[in-house]
Each structure stands twice: as structure tokens, then as C-alpha cells.
C-alpha atoms as a PDB file:
ATOM      1  CA  MET A   1     138.502 140.115 152.766  1.00  0.00           C
ATOM      2  CA  LEU A   2     138.625 141.302 149.377  1.00  0.00           C
ATOM      3  CA  GLY A   3     135.227 139.843 148.830  1.00  0.00           C
ATOM      4  CA  ALA A   4     133.846 142.346 151.103  1.00  0.00           C
ATOM      5  CA  GLU A   5     135.571 145.552 149.897  1.00  0.00           C
ATOM      6  CA  PRO A   6     133.119 146.474 147.002  1.00  0.00           C
ATOM      7  CA  VAL A   7     130.312 146.623 149.885  1.00  0.00           C
ATOM      8  CA  ALA A   8     132.229 148.186 152.190  1.00  0.00           C
ATOM      9  CA  LEU A   9     133.681 151.190 150.214  1.00  0.00           C
ATOM     10  CA  MET A  10     130.162 151.642 149.160  1.00  0.00           C
ATOM     11  CA  LEU A  11     128.687 151.819 152.760  1.00  0.00           C
ATOM     12  CA  ALA A  12     131.722 154.233 153.708  1.00  0.00           C
ATOM     13  CA  GLY A  13     130.506 156.075 151.124  1.00  0.00           C
ATOM     14  CA  ALA A  14     134.062 156.192 149.200  1.00  0.00           C
ATOM     15  CA  VAL A  15     131.882 154.876 146.008  1.00  0.00           C
ATOM     16  CA  ASP A  16     128.521 155.495 144.343  1.00  0.00           C
ATOM     17  CA  ARG A  17     125.984 152.958 145.068  1.00  0.00           C
ATOM     18  CA  PRO A  18     126.067 151.041 141.784  1.00  0.00           C
ATOM     19  CA  GLY A  19     122.680 149.613 139.678  1.00  0.00           C
ATOM     20  CA  GLN A  20     120.739 147.012 141.287  1.00  0.00           C
ATOM     21  CA  SER A  21     122.549 144.139 138.597  1.00  0.00           C
ATOM     22  CA  THR A  22     125.697 145.066 140.597  1.00  0.00           C
ATOM     23  CA  LEU A  23     124.582 144.605 143.950  1.00  0.00           C
ATOM     24  CA  GLU A  24     123.369 141.440 142.811  1.00  0.00           C
ATOM     25  CA  LEU A  25     126.278 140.208 142.243  1.00  0.00           C
ATOM     26  CA  TRP A  26     128.426 141.898 145.033  1.00  0.00           C
ATOM     27  CA  GLY A  27     126.091 140.236 147.549  1.00  0.00           C
ATOM     28  CA  PRO A  28     126.717 136.760 147.271  1.00  0.00           C
ATOM     29  CA  LEU A  29     130.577 137.536 146.863  1.00  0.00           C
ATOM     30  CA  HIS A  30     130.204 139.453 150.194  1.00  0.00           C
ATOM     31  CA  ASP A  31     128.699 136.476 151.946  1.00  0.00           C
ATOM     32  CA  ALA A  32     131.014 133.641 149.977  1.00  0.00           C
ATOM     33  CA  SER A  33     133.861 135.722 151.246  1.00  0.00           C
ATOM     34  CA  GLY A  34     132.655 136.434 154.849  1.00  0.00           C
ATOM     35  CA  VAL A  35     132.037 132.378 154.958  1.00  0.00           C
ATOM     36  CA  LEU A  36     135.372 131.597 153.306  1.00  0.00           C
ATOM     37  CA  GLY A  37     137.423 134.222 155.318  1.00  0.00           C
ATOM     38  CA  GLY A  38     136.179 132.903 158.566  1.00  0.00           C
ATOM     39  CA  PHE A  39     137.499 129.280 157.672  1.00  0.00           C
ATOM     40  CA  GLY A  40     140.384 130.830 156.858  1.00  0.00           C
ATOM     41  CA  TYR A  41     140.764 132.747 160.069  1.00  0.00           C
ATOM     42  CA  ALA A  42     140.205 129.286 161.907  1.00  0.00           C
ATOM     43  CA  ALA A  43     142.849 128.158 160.089  1.00  0.00           C
ATOM     44  CA  LEU A  44     145.240 130.460 161.020  1.00  0.00           C
ATOM     45  CA  VAL A  45     144.397 130.400 164.630  1.00  0.00           C
ATOM     46  CA  THR A  46     144.929 126.190 165.053  1.00  0.00           C
ATOM     47  CA  LEU A  47     148.383 126.721 163.182  1.00  0.00           C
ATOM     48  CA  VAL A  48     149.278 129.196 165.543  1.00  0.00           C
ATOM     49  CA  ALA A  49     147.998 127.232 168.472  1.00  0.00           C
ATOM     50  CA  VAL A  50     149.915 123.824 166.926  1.00  0.00           C
ATOM     51  CA  ARG A  51     153.214 126.089 166.510  1.00  0.00           C
ATOM     52  CA  LEU A  52     152.856 126.956 170.164  1.00  0.00           C
ATOM     53  CA  ASN A  53     151.822 123.475 170.848  1.00  0.00           C
ATOM     54  CA  GLY A  54     149.677 124.404 173.396  1.00  0.00           C
ATOM     55  CA  THR A  55     152.095 125.078 176.203  1.00  0.00           C
ATOM     56  CA  GLN A  56     151.538 128.966 176.357  1.00  0.00           C
ATOM     57  CA  PRO A  57     148.950 130.208 178.398  1.00  0.00           C
ATOM     58  CA  VAL A  58     147.084 132.138 175.756  1.00  0.00           C
ATOM     59  CA  VAL A  59     146.424 128.979 174.130  1.00  0.00           C
ATOM     60  CA  ASP A  60     144.997 127.812 177.387  1.00  0.00           C
ATOM     61  CA  ALA A  61     142.811 130.500 177.511  1.00  0.00           C
ATOM     62  CA  VAL A  62     141.497 130.535 174.303  1.00  0.00           C
ATOM     63  CA  ALA A  63     141.027 126.802 174.415  1.00  0.00           C
ATOM     64  CA  ALA A  64     138.999 127.204 177.756  1.00  0.00           C
ATOM     65  CA  VAL A  65     136.719 129.169 175.809  1.00  0.00           C
ATOM     66  CA  GLY A  66     136.210 126.468 173.621  1.00  0.00           C
ATOM     67  CA  GLN A  67     135.428 124.233 176.325  1.00  0.00           C
ATOM     68  CA  ARG A  68     132.987 126.805 178.156  1.00  0.00           C
ATOM     69  CA  SER A  69     131.637 128.106 174.707  1.00  0.00           C
ATOM     70  CA  MET A  70     128.059 128.004 175.835  1.00  0.00           C
ATOM     71  CA  THR A  71     128.442 130.198 178.441  1.00  0.00           C
ATOM     72  CA  CYS A  72     130.860 132.606 176.683  1.00  0.00           C
ATOM     73  CA  TYR A  73     128.017 132.811 173.778  1.00  0.00           C
ATOM     74  CA  LEU A  74     125.739 133.533 176.025  1.00  0.00           C
ATOM     75  CA  ALA A  75     127.784 136.041 178.049  1.00  0.00           C
ATOM     76  CA  GLN A  76     128.444 137.550 175.374  1.00  0.00           C
ATOM     77  CA  SER A  77     124.802 137.934 173.735  1.00  0.00           C
ATOM     78  CA  VAL A  78     123.847 139.128 177.320  1.00  0.00           C
ATOM     79  CA  VAL A  79     126.166 142.133 177.011  1.00  0.00           C
ATOM     80  CA  TRP A  80     125.162 142.974 173.136  1.00  0.00           C
ATOM     81  CA  MET A  81     121.147 142.731 174.619  1.00  0.00           C
ATOM     82  CA  VAL A  82     121.727 145.092 177.218  1.00  0.00           C
ATOM     83  CA  ALA A  83     123.904 147.462 175.032  1.00  0.00           C
ATOM     84  CA  PHE A  84     121.723 147.529 172.138  1.00  0.00           C
ATOM     85  CA  THR A  85     118.372 146.730 172.812  1.00  0.00           C
ATOM     86  CA  PRO A  86     115.817 149.815 172.380  1.00  0.00           C
ATOM     87  CA  PHE A  87     114.251 149.439 175.908  1.00  0.00           C
ATOM     88  CA  LEU A  88     117.525 148.889 177.570  1.00  0.00           C
ATOM     89  CA  LEU A  89     120.751 151.174 177.092  1.00  0.00           C
ATOM     90  CA  ASP A  90     120.240 151.613 173.404  1.00  0.00           C
ATOM     91  CA  LEU A  91     123.479 152.436 172.378  1.00  0.00           C
ATOM     92  CA  SER A  92     123.284 151.778 168.516  1.00  0.00           C
ATOM     93  CA  GLU A  93     123.086 155.757 167.795  1.00  0.00           C
ATOM     94  CA  PRO A  94     125.295 157.207 170.316  1.00  0.00           C
ATOM     95  CA  ILE A  95     128.309 155.149 169.572  1.00  0.00           C
ATOM     96  CA  GLY A  96     129.997 154.853 166.210  1.00  0.00           C
ATOM     97  CA  VAL A  97     131.775 151.651 164.935  1.00  0.00           C
ATOM     98  CA  THR A  98     135.099 152.055 166.532  1.00  0.00           C
ATOM     99  CA  THR A  99     133.361 152.006 170.264  1.00  0.00           C
ATOM    100  CA  THR A 100     131.348 149.182 169.033  1.00  0.00           C
ATOM    101  CA  ALA A 101     134.426 147.317 167.673  1.00  0.00           C
ATOM    102  CA  LEU A 102     136.033 147.930 171.227  1.00  0.00           C
ATOM    103  CA  LEU A 103     133.078 147.058 173.313  1.00  0.00           C
ATOM    104  CA  ALA A 104     133.087 143.637 171.544  1.00  0.00           C
ATOM    105  CA  THR A 105     136.819 142.867 171.878  1.00  0.00           C
ATOM    106  CA  ALA A 106     136.277 143.975 175.528  1.00  0.00           C
ATOM    107  CA  THR A 107     133.599 141.535 175.803  1.00  0.00           C
ATOM    108  CA  TRP A 108     135.756 138.682 174.116  1.00  0.00           C
ATOM    109  CA  LEU A 109     138.662 139.509 176.228  1.00  0.00           C
ATOM    110  CA  ALA A 110     136.491 139.404 180.124  1.00  0.00           C
ATOM    111  CA  THR A 111     134.837 136.065 178.360  1.00  0.00           C
ATOM    112  CA  VAL A 112     138.442 135.297 177.959  1.00  0.00           C
ATOM    113  CA  VAL A 113     139.596 135.856 181.251  1.00  0.00           C
ATOM    114  CA  LEU A 114     135.968 134.209 182.703  1.00  0.00           C
ATOM    115  CA  ALA A 115     136.714 130.885 181.104  1.00  0.00           C
ATOM    116  CA  ASP A 116     140.143 130.389 182.244  1.00  0.00           C
ATOM    117  CA  TRP A 117     139.649 131.461 185.991  1.00  0.00           C
ATOM    118  CA  MET A 118     137.167 128.524 185.488  1.00  0.00           C
ATOM    119  CA  ARG A 119     139.656 126.179 183.816  1.00  0.00           C
ATOM    120  CA  ARG A 120     141.929 127.088 186.434  1.00  0.00           C
ATOM    121  CA  THR A 121     139.841 126.739 189.695  1.00  0.00           C
ATOM    122  CA  GLY A 122     138.262 123.787 187.817  1.00  0.00           C
ATOM    123  CA  ARG A 123     134.723 124.365 187.124  1.00  0.00           C
ATOM    124  CA  ARG A 124     132.805 124.083 184.199  1.00  0.00           C
ATOM    125  CA  GLY A 125     130.936 126.292 182.731  1.00  0.00           C
ATOM    126  CA  PRO A 126     127.322 126.654 184.234  1.00  0.00           C
ATOM    127  CA  PHE A 127     125.413 126.458 180.653  1.00  0.00           C
ATOM    128  CA  GLU A 128     127.458 123.327 180.003  1.00  0.00           C
ATOM    129  CA  VAL A 129     126.564 121.405 183.387  1.00  0.00           C
ATOM    130  CA  LEU A 130     122.979 122.631 182.894  1.00  0.00           C
ATOM    131  CA  VAL A 131     122.699 121.162 179.037  1.00  0.00           C
ATOM    132  CA  ARG A 132     124.730 117.674 180.329  1.00  0.00           C
ATOM    133  CA  GLY A 133     122.080 117.424 183.416  1.00  0.00           C
ATOM    134  CA  VAL A 134     119.037 118.266 181.123  1.00  0.00           C
ATOM    135  CA  THR A 135     120.761 115.516 178.411  1.00  0.00           C
ATOM    136  CA  TYR A 136     121.381 112.977 180.599  1.00  0.00           C
ATOM    137  CA  GLY A 137     118.915 113.382 183.304  1.00  0.00           C
ATOM    138  CA  GLU A 138     121.555 114.373 185.992  1.00  0.00           C
ATOM    139  CA  LEU A 139     119.440 117.088 187.085  1.00  0.00           C
END
């Protein structure tokens, strides 16, 4: 996360925009720290899941998202498309960063609830069924 700080401070207006050579240094640092931070978060989630031993309802619900990842990804994409496409709701201007983060969190939680419901009722994700059907000629 520290690698993102220079760009975050600049975008927040806390520091002035530096020269081009500094920006050329900050860009790769920002990108690399994002990728490495993603690996770190994945490792942290894995450690917590292993420690909980897979017996907790939250772990089962998040695992259900992973088992239906294409369906959840497409559901989240539809929310973003409807919310931010200029010819649909076009909320990019009227809402700020905090509201966008809340929308993202609510969208993710909704997909977790949906995936967990599918898990409990023994349903596979519809897009996983579609891909499997196309791949193996089951449609």
C-alpha cells in the first residue's frame, strides 16, 4: 500500500504535481505495489480461511463466490455498467469516492449472498453451467 501513497497524495491535492521524471518513477512503483498488494491480500484471506478451518459460514459463503466466479463477476459488471455508463444512470459525476466504495461493497456483498444461496440450494452458477455446456457439448 505504501507504493500507492505518492500518487494518492498527489491526486488528493496534498502534494503538488511533480516533474515528469518523478512521475515516470511513481507510475511503475504504483503499479507494482498494487499487484504485490493483491497477492498479499490473497495470502491474508487464505491464512484466515485456513485458520477458520472452512467451518465458518462466512468462509463457506466466500468459497461459494469462488465456485461461481464467472456469474459473480458478470453480475458485478452489470451493476457497474448500469451505474456508470453515460447513456444509463451515469453516476460518475454526481457521486463521490465514498459513495462509489459503498456501492462496490454492497455489490460484492450482494453477490456473496447470491452465491451462498446457490450453494445452499445446490445450484451452480448459470454462466458456469453455460460455459461447461458449450465446452463439453452438453447444450
